[in-house]
Amino acid sequence: MKKTWLKRTLLGVAVSTALMGTVAAYSEGVGFHHGPPTPEQMQQHEAMMLSHIGSKLNLNATQAAKLKVLGDLFLAAHAPQAGAADPHAAATALIAGNTFDRAGAQNLLNQHVAKLQSNGPAIIAATGDFFDSLTPAQQQQVRDLAAHHHGFFGMGGMGGPGEHGHHGPHGPHGSSGPAGN
């Protein structure tokens, strides 16, 4: 019983992390060539992704609602904090001087970890609610997709256009490696 709980918890965390990986990437501006996306663009992307996942897993209304809760939590977790510095400017500032700003980097890491710890329990609970609502066949489909895509929803995860995800078969920005690897 304890091993089953541990496996389900670890799988839930892995799936939740991977499930909205593209949301995280897009919220940081990756994938948008003109800076971070607007809230409207993020909502449109979330709706498209939830629709795609819903059809891929053939979700019923209850399951789709649980997935929406999870998606909304990921969007909220990756939304920039009011008054927070631009993440790109903060990263650039680390190398602006003659030496790498180790203290600044540690501060950015601490902020990121604190945000993860704050949002993590709700995301884990929502992931568990969603995954546990799936039928055994749907759960296996999620496991198979996670194994096949090495991270499930990373760049090129769970299909998308031509079954190669957002960036097609060659990954982001024309890289030669397969997407998602």
N, C-alpha and C. Protein backbone atom coordinates (compact mmCIF):
# COMPACT_ATOMS: atom_id res chain seq x y z
N MET A 1 0.83 -1.19 0.00
CA MET A 1 0.00 0.00 0.00
C MET A 1 0.88 1.26 0.00
N LYS A 2 1.93 1.25 0.82
CA LYS A 2 2.80 2.42 0.89
C LYS A 2 3.53 2.64 -0.42
N LYS A 3 3.99 1.57 -1.07
CA LYS A 3 4.68 1.70 -2.35
C LYS A 3 3.73 2.23 -3.42
N THR A 4 2.48 1.77 -3.42
CA THR A 4 1.50 2.25 -4.39
C THR A 4 1.28 3.74 -4.21
N TRP A 5 1.13 4.19 -2.97
CA TRP A 5 0.93 5.61 -2.71
C TRP A 5 2.13 6.41 -3.19
N LEU A 6 3.34 5.92 -2.89
CA LEU A 6 4.54 6.62 -3.30
C LEU A 6 4.64 6.70 -4.82
N LYS A 7 4.36 5.59 -5.51
CA LYS A 7 4.41 5.59 -6.97
C LYS A 7 3.40 6.58 -7.55
N ARG A 8 2.18 6.57 -7.01
CA ARG A 8 1.15 7.47 -7.52
C ARG A 8 1.52 8.93 -7.26
N THR A 9 2.10 9.19 -6.09
CA THR A 9 2.51 10.56 -5.78
C THR A 9 3.62 11.01 -6.71
N LEU A 10 4.64 10.17 -6.89
CA LEU A 10 5.74 10.54 -7.78
C LEU A 10 5.26 10.70 -9.22
N LEU A 11 4.39 9.79 -9.66
CA LEU A 11 3.85 9.91 -11.01
C LEU A 11 3.04 11.19 -11.15
N GLY A 12 2.25 11.50 -10.12
CA GLY A 12 1.45 12.73 -10.15
C GLY A 12 2.31 13.97 -10.24
N VAL A 13 3.38 13.99 -9.46
CA VAL A 13 4.28 15.14 -9.50
C VAL A 13 4.95 15.23 -10.87
N ALA A 14 5.40 14.09 -11.38
CA ALA A 14 6.06 14.08 -12.69
C ALA A 14 5.10 14.54 -13.78
N VAL A 15 3.88 14.03 -13.76
CA VAL A 15 2.91 14.40 -14.78
C VAL A 15 2.53 15.86 -14.65
N SER A 16 2.34 16.33 -13.41
CA SER A 16 1.96 17.74 -13.25
C SER A 16 3.07 18.67 -13.71
N THR A 17 4.30 18.31 -13.41
CA THR A 17 5.42 19.13 -13.84
C THR A 17 5.49 19.17 -15.36
N ALA A 18 5.36 18.01 -15.96
CA ALA A 18 5.45 17.92 -17.40
C ALA A 18 4.19 18.42 -18.09
N LEU A 19 3.05 18.22 -17.43
CA LEU A 19 1.76 18.55 -18.02
C LEU A 19 1.69 19.98 -18.52
N MET A 20 2.21 20.89 -17.75
CA MET A 20 2.10 22.29 -18.14
C MET A 20 3.46 22.90 -18.43
N GLY A 21 4.39 22.09 -18.84
CA GLY A 21 5.72 22.58 -19.17
C GLY A 21 5.70 23.67 -20.21
N THR A 22 4.86 23.51 -21.20
CA THR A 22 4.81 24.55 -22.23
C THR A 22 4.21 25.83 -21.69
N VAL A 23 3.30 25.72 -20.74
CA VAL A 23 2.76 26.94 -20.14
C VAL A 23 3.88 27.70 -19.46
N ALA A 24 4.72 26.98 -18.75
CA ALA A 24 5.85 27.62 -18.08
C ALA A 24 6.78 28.27 -19.10
N ALA A 25 7.08 27.54 -20.15
CA ALA A 25 7.98 28.07 -21.18
C ALA A 25 7.39 29.32 -21.82
N TYR A 26 6.11 29.26 -22.15
CA TYR A 26 5.50 30.41 -22.79
C TYR A 26 5.38 31.59 -21.83
N SER A 27 5.15 31.31 -20.55
CA SER A 27 5.03 32.42 -19.60
C SER A 27 6.35 33.14 -19.41
N GLU A 28 7.46 32.45 -19.64
CA GLU A 28 8.78 33.07 -19.53
C GLU A 28 9.19 33.73 -20.84
N GLY A 29 8.38 33.61 -21.87
CA GLY A 29 8.70 34.27 -23.13
C GLY A 29 9.31 33.33 -24.15
N VAL A 30 9.63 32.08 -23.77
CA VAL A 30 10.17 31.12 -24.72
C VAL A 30 9.05 30.76 -25.69
N GLY A 31 9.31 30.76 -26.96
CA GLY A 31 8.28 30.43 -27.93
C GLY A 31 7.60 31.66 -28.50
N PHE A 32 7.70 32.79 -27.82
CA PHE A 32 7.19 34.03 -28.34
C PHE A 32 8.40 34.86 -28.71
N HIS A 33 8.50 35.22 -29.96
CA HIS A 33 9.71 35.88 -30.46
C HIS A 33 9.74 37.38 -30.19
N HIS A 34 8.69 37.91 -29.61
CA HIS A 34 8.64 39.35 -29.35
C HIS A 34 8.40 39.62 -27.87
N GLY A 35 9.07 38.88 -27.01
CA GLY A 35 8.94 39.10 -25.57
C GLY A 35 7.91 38.19 -24.95
N PRO A 36 7.71 38.35 -23.65
CA PRO A 36 6.75 37.51 -22.94
C PRO A 36 5.34 37.71 -23.49
N PRO A 37 4.52 36.67 -23.42
CA PRO A 37 3.16 36.77 -23.95
C PRO A 37 2.27 37.62 -23.05
N THR A 38 1.23 38.13 -23.64
CA THR A 38 0.23 38.87 -22.88
C THR A 38 -0.65 37.86 -22.14
N PRO A 39 -1.38 38.31 -21.14
CA PRO A 39 -2.32 37.40 -20.46
C PRO A 39 -3.33 36.78 -21.44
N GLU A 40 -3.74 37.55 -22.43
CA GLU A 40 -4.69 37.03 -23.43
C GLU A 40 -4.05 35.90 -24.25
N GLN A 41 -2.78 36.09 -24.63
CA GLN A 41 -2.09 35.04 -25.37
C GLN A 41 -1.93 33.78 -24.53
N MET A 42 -1.65 33.96 -23.25
CA MET A 42 -1.51 32.81 -22.36
C MET A 42 -2.85 32.07 -22.23
N GLN A 43 -3.93 32.80 -22.10
CA GLN A 43 -5.25 32.18 -21.99
C GLN A 43 -5.60 31.44 -23.29
N GLN A 44 -5.28 32.04 -24.42
CA GLN A 44 -5.53 31.37 -25.70
C GLN A 44 -4.71 30.11 -25.82
N HIS A 45 -3.45 30.17 -25.42
CA HIS A 45 -2.59 28.99 -25.48
C HIS A 45 -3.11 27.90 -24.54
N GLU A 46 -3.52 28.30 -23.33
CA GLU A 46 -4.05 27.33 -22.38
C GLU A 46 -5.30 26.67 -22.95
N ALA A 47 -6.20 27.45 -23.52
CA ALA A 47 -7.43 26.89 -24.08
C ALA A 47 -7.12 25.90 -25.20
N MET A 48 -6.17 26.26 -26.06
CA MET A 48 -5.79 25.38 -27.16
C MET A 48 -5.19 24.08 -26.61
N MET A 49 -4.32 24.22 -25.62
CA MET A 49 -3.66 23.05 -25.06
C MET A 49 -4.67 22.16 -24.33
N LEU A 50 -5.57 22.75 -23.56
CA LEU A 50 -6.57 21.95 -22.85
C LEU A 50 -7.50 21.24 -23.82
N SER A 51 -7.84 21.90 -24.90
CA SER A 51 -8.67 21.27 -25.92
C SER A 51 -7.95 20.09 -26.55
N HIS A 52 -6.68 20.29 -26.85
CA HIS A 52 -5.88 19.23 -27.46
C HIS A 52 -5.75 18.03 -26.51
N ILE A 53 -5.44 18.30 -25.25
CA ILE A 53 -5.30 17.22 -24.28
C ILE A 53 -6.64 16.52 -24.09
N GLY A 54 -7.70 17.31 -24.00
CA GLY A 54 -9.04 16.74 -23.81
C GLY A 54 -9.42 15.80 -24.93
N SER A 55 -9.12 16.18 -26.15
CA SER A 55 -9.46 15.31 -27.28
C SER A 55 -8.53 14.11 -27.36
N LYS A 56 -7.25 14.32 -27.03
CA LYS A 56 -6.27 13.24 -27.08
C LYS A 56 -6.62 12.15 -26.07
N LEU A 57 -7.06 12.55 -24.88
CA LEU A 57 -7.42 11.59 -23.84
C LEU A 57 -8.91 11.28 -23.80
N ASN A 58 -9.68 11.92 -24.67
CA ASN A 58 -11.13 11.73 -24.71
C ASN A 58 -11.73 11.96 -23.33
N LEU A 59 -11.48 13.14 -22.77
CA LEU A 59 -11.93 13.46 -21.42
C LEU A 59 -13.42 13.73 -21.37
N ASN A 60 -14.05 13.33 -20.27
CA ASN A 60 -15.44 13.71 -20.06
C ASN A 60 -15.46 15.09 -19.41
N ALA A 61 -16.63 15.64 -19.16
CA ALA A 61 -16.75 17.01 -18.65
C ALA A 61 -16.09 17.16 -17.28
N THR A 62 -16.24 16.18 -16.40
CA THR A 62 -15.65 16.26 -15.07
C THR A 62 -14.13 16.25 -15.16
N GLN A 63 -13.60 15.37 -15.99
CA GLN A 63 -12.15 15.29 -16.16
C GLN A 63 -11.60 16.58 -16.78
N ALA A 64 -12.31 17.11 -17.77
CA ALA A 64 -11.88 18.36 -18.42
C ALA A 64 -11.88 19.51 -17.42
N ALA A 65 -12.86 19.54 -16.52
CA ALA A 65 -12.92 20.59 -15.50
C ALA A 65 -11.72 20.48 -14.55
N LYS A 66 -11.35 19.26 -14.19
CA LYS A 66 -10.19 19.05 -13.31
C LYS A 66 -8.90 19.46 -14.02
N LEU A 67 -8.81 19.18 -15.31
CA LEU A 67 -7.65 19.60 -16.07
C LEU A 67 -7.59 21.12 -16.16
N LYS A 68 -8.71 21.77 -16.30
CA LYS A 68 -8.77 23.23 -16.36
C LYS A 68 -8.28 23.85 -15.05
N VAL A 69 -8.68 23.25 -13.92
CA VAL A 69 -8.20 23.73 -12.62
C VAL A 69 -6.68 23.64 -12.58
N LEU A 70 -6.14 22.51 -13.03
CA LEU A 70 -4.69 22.32 -13.05
C LEU A 70 -4.02 23.34 -13.96
N GLY A 71 -4.57 23.54 -15.15
CA GLY A 71 -4.01 24.52 -16.08
C GLY A 71 -4.02 25.92 -15.50
N ASP A 72 -5.12 26.29 -14.85
CA ASP A 72 -5.21 27.62 -14.25
C ASP A 72 -4.18 27.80 -13.13
N LEU A 73 -3.95 26.74 -12.36
CA LEU A 73 -2.94 26.82 -11.30
C LEU A 73 -1.55 27.03 -11.88
N PHE A 74 -1.25 26.32 -12.98
CA PHE A 74 0.05 26.50 -13.60
C PHE A 74 0.20 27.90 -14.17
N LEU A 75 -0.85 28.41 -14.78
CA LEU A 75 -0.78 29.79 -15.29
C LEU A 75 -0.52 30.77 -14.16
N ALA A 76 -1.25 30.61 -13.07
CA ALA A 76 -1.07 31.51 -11.93
C ALA A 76 0.32 31.38 -11.33
N ALA A 77 0.83 30.15 -11.28
CA ALA A 77 2.15 29.92 -10.70
C ALA A 77 3.26 30.54 -11.55
N HIS A 78 3.03 30.65 -12.84
CA HIS A 78 4.07 31.17 -13.73
C HIS A 78 3.83 32.62 -14.14
N ALA A 79 2.78 33.21 -13.62
CA ALA A 79 2.52 34.62 -13.92
C ALA A 79 3.56 35.46 -13.18
N PRO A 80 4.04 36.50 -13.83
CA PRO A 80 5.01 37.36 -13.14
C PRO A 80 4.37 38.03 -11.94
N GLN A 81 5.13 38.15 -10.87
CA GLN A 81 4.63 38.80 -9.67
C GLN A 81 4.57 40.30 -9.89
N ALA A 82 3.57 40.92 -9.30
CA ALA A 82 3.44 42.38 -9.43
C ALA A 82 4.69 43.04 -8.85
N GLY A 83 5.26 43.93 -9.60
CA GLY A 83 6.43 44.65 -9.16
C GLY A 83 7.74 43.88 -9.28
N ALA A 84 7.66 42.64 -9.77
CA ALA A 84 8.88 41.83 -9.92
C ALA A 84 9.67 42.32 -11.13
N ALA A 85 10.96 42.14 -11.06
CA ALA A 85 11.83 42.55 -12.16
C ALA A 85 11.59 41.63 -13.36
N ASP A 86 11.81 42.17 -14.53
CA ASP A 86 11.74 41.38 -15.75
C ASP A 86 12.75 40.25 -15.64
N PRO A 87 12.32 38.97 -15.82
CA PRO A 87 13.26 37.85 -15.64
C PRO A 87 14.43 37.91 -16.61
N HIS A 88 14.21 38.39 -17.81
CA HIS A 88 15.30 38.49 -18.77
C HIS A 88 16.30 39.56 -18.35
N ALA A 89 15.80 40.68 -17.85
CA ALA A 89 16.68 41.75 -17.37
C ALA A 89 17.45 41.29 -16.13
N ALA A 90 16.78 40.54 -15.25
CA ALA A 90 17.44 40.03 -14.05
C ALA A 90 18.56 39.06 -14.42
N ALA A 91 18.30 38.20 -15.40
CA ALA A 91 19.34 37.26 -15.84
C ALA A 91 20.49 37.99 -16.52
N THR A 92 20.18 38.98 -17.33
CA THR A 92 21.21 39.77 -18.00
C THR A 92 22.07 40.52 -16.99
N ALA A 93 21.45 40.99 -15.93
CA ALA A 93 22.18 41.74 -14.91
C ALA A 93 23.24 40.87 -14.22
N LEU A 94 23.03 39.56 -14.20
CA LEU A 94 24.00 38.66 -13.56
C LEU A 94 25.35 38.68 -14.24
N ILE A 95 25.36 38.98 -15.53
CA ILE A 95 26.62 38.98 -16.28
C ILE A 95 27.00 40.36 -16.79
N ALA A 96 26.38 41.40 -16.23
CA ALA A 96 26.63 42.76 -16.70
C ALA A 96 27.98 43.30 -16.26
N GLY A 97 28.49 42.82 -15.16
CA GLY A 97 29.76 43.33 -14.65
C GLY A 97 30.94 42.48 -15.09
N ASN A 98 32.08 42.73 -14.47
CA ASN A 98 33.30 41.99 -14.79
C ASN A 98 33.29 40.58 -14.22
N THR A 99 32.44 40.35 -13.21
CA THR A 99 32.32 39.03 -12.60
C THR A 99 30.84 38.63 -12.57
N PHE A 100 30.63 37.34 -12.52
CA PHE A 100 29.27 36.81 -12.42
C PHE A 100 28.71 37.16 -11.05
N ASP A 101 27.48 37.67 -11.02
CA ASP A 101 26.82 38.07 -9.77
C ASP A 101 26.24 36.84 -9.07
N ARG A 102 27.08 36.16 -8.30
CA ARG A 102 26.67 34.94 -7.61
C ARG A 102 25.56 35.21 -6.59
N ALA A 103 25.68 36.30 -5.87
CA ALA A 103 24.65 36.64 -4.87
C ALA A 103 23.31 36.92 -5.56
N GLY A 104 23.36 37.63 -6.67
CA GLY A 104 22.12 37.89 -7.42
C GLY A 104 21.51 36.61 -7.96
N ALA A 105 22.36 35.71 -8.45
CA ALA A 105 21.87 34.43 -8.95
C ALA A 105 21.24 33.62 -7.82
N GLN A 106 21.89 33.62 -6.66
CA GLN A 106 21.34 32.89 -5.52
C GLN A 106 20.00 33.49 -5.10
N ASN A 107 19.89 34.81 -5.15
CA ASN A 107 18.64 35.48 -4.81
C ASN A 107 17.52 35.08 -5.78
N LEU A 108 17.84 35.06 -7.09
CA LEU A 108 16.84 34.64 -8.08
C LEU A 108 16.42 33.19 -7.84
N LEU A 109 17.39 32.33 -7.54
CA LEU A 109 17.08 30.93 -7.25
C LEU A 109 16.20 30.81 -6.02
N ASN A 110 16.53 31.54 -4.96
CA ASN A 110 15.73 31.50 -3.74
C ASN A 110 14.29 31.96 -3.99
N GLN A 111 14.13 33.00 -4.80
CA GLN A 111 12.78 33.48 -5.14
C GLN A 111 12.01 32.41 -5.90
N HIS A 112 12.69 31.76 -6.84
CA HIS A 112 12.04 30.72 -7.64
C HIS A 112 11.64 29.53 -6.77
N VAL A 113 12.53 29.11 -5.89
CA VAL A 113 12.24 27.98 -5.00
C VAL A 113 11.07 28.33 -4.07
N ALA A 114 11.06 29.54 -3.53
CA ALA A 114 9.97 29.96 -2.64
C ALA A 114 8.63 29.93 -3.37
N LYS A 115 8.64 30.37 -4.62
CA LYS A 115 7.41 30.36 -5.41
C LYS A 115 6.95 28.92 -5.67
N LEU A 116 7.90 28.04 -5.99
CA LEU A 116 7.57 26.62 -6.19
C LEU A 116 6.99 26.00 -4.92
N GLN A 117 7.61 26.30 -3.80
CA GLN A 117 7.12 25.74 -2.53
C GLN A 117 5.75 26.28 -2.19
N SER A 118 5.50 27.52 -2.51
CA SER A 118 4.20 28.12 -2.22
C SER A 118 3.10 27.53 -3.08
N ASN A 119 3.38 27.36 -4.37
CA ASN A 119 2.36 26.88 -5.31
C ASN A 119 2.30 25.36 -5.41
N GLY A 120 3.36 24.69 -5.01
CA GLY A 120 3.48 23.25 -5.19
C GLY A 120 2.35 22.41 -4.61
N PRO A 121 1.97 22.61 -3.36
CA PRO A 121 0.92 21.76 -2.79
C PRO A 121 -0.40 21.80 -3.57
N ALA A 122 -0.81 22.98 -4.00
CA ALA A 122 -2.06 23.09 -4.77
C ALA A 122 -1.93 22.41 -6.12
N ILE A 123 -0.76 22.54 -6.75
CA ILE A 123 -0.54 21.90 -8.05
C ILE A 123 -0.50 20.39 -7.91
N ILE A 124 0.15 19.91 -6.86
CA ILE A 124 0.18 18.46 -6.63
C ILE A 124 -1.23 17.93 -6.38
N ALA A 125 -2.01 18.64 -5.57
CA ALA A 125 -3.38 18.20 -5.29
C ALA A 125 -4.22 18.19 -6.57
N ALA A 126 -4.10 19.25 -7.37
CA ALA A 126 -4.88 19.32 -8.61
C ALA A 126 -4.44 18.24 -9.60
N THR A 127 -3.15 17.97 -9.64
CA THR A 127 -2.66 16.90 -10.52
C THR A 127 -3.21 15.56 -10.07
N GLY A 128 -3.18 15.33 -8.78
CA GLY A 128 -3.75 14.09 -8.25
C GLY A 128 -5.24 13.97 -8.55
N ASP A 129 -5.97 15.06 -8.37
CA ASP A 129 -7.41 15.04 -8.66
C ASP A 129 -7.65 14.72 -10.12
N PHE A 130 -6.87 15.33 -11.02
CA PHE A 130 -7.05 15.08 -12.44
C PHE A 130 -6.66 13.64 -12.79
N PHE A 131 -5.46 13.22 -12.40
CA PHE A 131 -4.99 11.89 -12.76
C PHE A 131 -5.90 10.80 -12.18
N ASP A 132 -6.32 10.98 -10.92
CA ASP A 132 -7.17 9.98 -10.28
C ASP A 132 -8.56 9.93 -10.90
N SER A 133 -8.97 10.99 -11.60
CA SER A 133 -10.28 10.98 -12.26
C SER A 133 -10.26 10.22 -13.58
N LEU A 134 -9.05 9.95 -14.09
CA LEU A 134 -8.94 9.25 -15.37
C LEU A 134 -9.26 7.77 -15.21
N THR A 135 -9.76 7.19 -16.27
CA THR A 135 -9.98 5.75 -16.29
C THR A 135 -8.62 5.05 -16.34
N PRO A 136 -8.55 3.77 -16.00
CA PRO A 136 -7.27 3.07 -16.12
C PRO A 136 -6.67 3.15 -17.53
N ALA A 137 -7.51 3.09 -18.55
CA ALA A 137 -7.00 3.19 -19.92
C ALA A 137 -6.41 4.58 -20.19
N GLN A 138 -7.07 5.63 -19.70
CA GLN A 138 -6.55 6.98 -19.88
C GLN A 138 -5.25 7.18 -19.09
N GLN A 139 -5.20 6.62 -17.88
CA GLN A 139 -3.98 6.71 -17.09
C GLN A 139 -2.81 6.04 -17.82
N GLN A 140 -3.09 4.90 -18.43
CA GLN A 140 -2.03 4.22 -19.18
C GLN A 140 -1.62 5.04 -20.39
N GLN A 141 -2.58 5.69 -21.03
CA GLN A 141 -2.26 6.54 -22.16
C GLN A 141 -1.34 7.70 -21.72
N VAL A 142 -1.60 8.26 -20.55
CA VAL A 142 -0.75 9.32 -20.02
C VAL A 142 0.66 8.77 -19.76
N ARG A 143 0.74 7.58 -19.16
CA ARG A 143 2.05 6.97 -18.90
C ARG A 143 2.80 6.73 -20.21
N ASP A 144 2.10 6.21 -21.19
CA ASP A 144 2.72 5.92 -22.49
C ASP A 144 3.22 7.20 -23.15
N LEU A 145 2.39 8.24 -23.10
CA LEU A 145 2.79 9.52 -23.69
C LEU A 145 3.98 10.12 -22.95
N ALA A 146 3.97 10.00 -21.62
CA ALA A 146 5.08 10.53 -20.83
C ALA A 146 6.37 9.80 -21.18
N ALA A 147 6.30 8.48 -21.33
CA ALA A 147 7.50 7.70 -21.67
C ALA A 147 7.96 8.01 -23.09
N HIS A 148 7.04 8.15 -23.99
CA HIS A 148 7.37 8.40 -25.40
C HIS A 148 7.94 9.77 -25.64
N HIS A 149 7.46 10.75 -24.90
CA HIS A 149 7.86 12.14 -25.16
C HIS A 149 8.89 12.66 -24.17
N HIS A 150 9.45 11.82 -23.33
CA HIS A 150 10.52 12.21 -22.42
C HIS A 150 10.20 13.51 -21.70
N GLY A 151 9.07 13.58 -21.10
CA GLY A 151 8.71 14.80 -20.38
C GLY A 151 7.31 15.22 -20.71
N PHE A 152 6.64 14.49 -21.54
CA PHE A 152 5.22 14.61 -21.77
C PHE A 152 4.83 15.88 -22.50
N PHE A 153 5.01 17.05 -21.93
CA PHE A 153 4.57 18.28 -22.56
C PHE A 153 5.68 19.27 -22.79
N GLY A 154 6.90 18.81 -22.77
CA GLY A 154 7.99 19.72 -23.06
C GLY A 154 7.88 20.18 -24.49
N MET A 155 8.89 20.79 -24.99
CA MET A 155 8.84 21.26 -26.36
C MET A 155 8.62 20.08 -27.28
N GLY A 156 7.45 19.98 -27.85
CA GLY A 156 7.13 18.89 -28.75
C GLY A 156 6.39 17.76 -28.07
N GLY A 157 6.00 17.92 -26.82
CA GLY A 157 5.30 16.85 -26.12
C GLY A 157 3.89 16.64 -26.62
N MET A 158 3.29 15.60 -26.27
CA MET A 158 1.92 15.16 -26.55
C MET A 158 1.38 15.55 -27.91
N GLY A 159 2.21 15.56 -28.88
CA GLY A 159 1.69 15.78 -30.23
C GLY A 159 1.58 17.24 -30.57
N GLY A 160 0.45 17.59 -31.08
CA GLY A 160 0.29 18.95 -31.59
C GLY A 160 0.37 18.88 -33.10
N PRO A 161 0.67 19.95 -33.75
CA PRO A 161 0.72 19.95 -35.21
C PRO A 161 1.67 18.88 -35.74
N GLY A 162 1.13 17.96 -36.48
CA GLY A 162 1.93 16.91 -37.09
C GLY A 162 2.51 15.95 -36.07
N GLU A 163 1.96 15.91 -34.86
CA GLU A 163 2.43 15.05 -33.78
C GLU A 163 3.87 15.37 -33.37
N HIS A 164 4.35 16.55 -33.65
CA HIS A 164 5.69 16.91 -33.24
C HIS A 164 5.68 18.13 -32.32
N GLY A 165 4.53 18.55 -31.88
CA GLY A 165 4.44 19.67 -30.96
C GLY A 165 4.55 21.01 -31.65
N HIS A 166 4.71 22.04 -30.85
CA HIS A 166 4.67 23.41 -31.33
C HIS A 166 5.76 23.72 -32.36
N HIS A 167 6.94 23.18 -32.17
CA HIS A 167 8.05 23.54 -33.04
C HIS A 167 8.30 22.55 -34.15
N GLY A 168 7.45 21.55 -34.32
CA GLY A 168 7.64 20.59 -35.40
C GLY A 168 8.69 19.56 -35.06
N PRO A 169 9.14 18.78 -36.05
CA PRO A 169 10.01 17.66 -35.78
C PRO A 169 11.44 18.03 -35.42
N HIS A 170 11.81 19.30 -35.56
CA HIS A 170 13.20 19.67 -35.35
C HIS A 170 13.42 20.53 -34.12
N GLY A 171 12.43 20.66 -33.25
CA GLY A 171 12.63 21.39 -32.01
C GLY A 171 12.53 22.89 -32.23
N PRO A 172 12.84 23.65 -31.18
CA PRO A 172 12.70 25.09 -31.27
C PRO A 172 13.74 25.74 -32.15
N HIS A 173 13.34 26.75 -32.82
CA HIS A 173 14.22 27.63 -33.58
C HIS A 173 15.12 26.89 -34.56
N GLY A 174 14.59 25.83 -35.17
CA GLY A 174 15.32 25.16 -36.22
C GLY A 174 16.46 24.27 -35.75
N SER A 175 16.48 23.93 -34.47
CA SER A 175 17.55 23.04 -34.00
C SER A 175 17.44 21.70 -34.68
N SER A 176 18.52 20.99 -34.77
CA SER A 176 18.51 19.75 -35.53
C SER A 176 18.08 18.56 -34.71
N GLY A 177 18.06 18.66 -33.39
CA GLY A 177 17.64 17.53 -32.56
C GLY A 177 16.15 17.40 -32.54
N PRO A 178 15.64 16.20 -32.25
CA PRO A 178 14.19 16.02 -32.16
C PRO A 178 13.62 16.81 -30.99
N ALA A 179 12.43 17.30 -31.16
CA ALA A 179 11.77 18.07 -30.11
C ALA A 179 11.48 17.16 -28.93
N GLY A 180 11.60 17.71 -27.73
CA GLY A 180 11.26 16.99 -26.52
C GLY A 180 12.39 16.13 -25.99
N ASN A 181 13.52 16.04 -26.67
CA ASN A 181 14.62 15.22 -26.17
C ASN A 181 15.65 16.04 -25.47
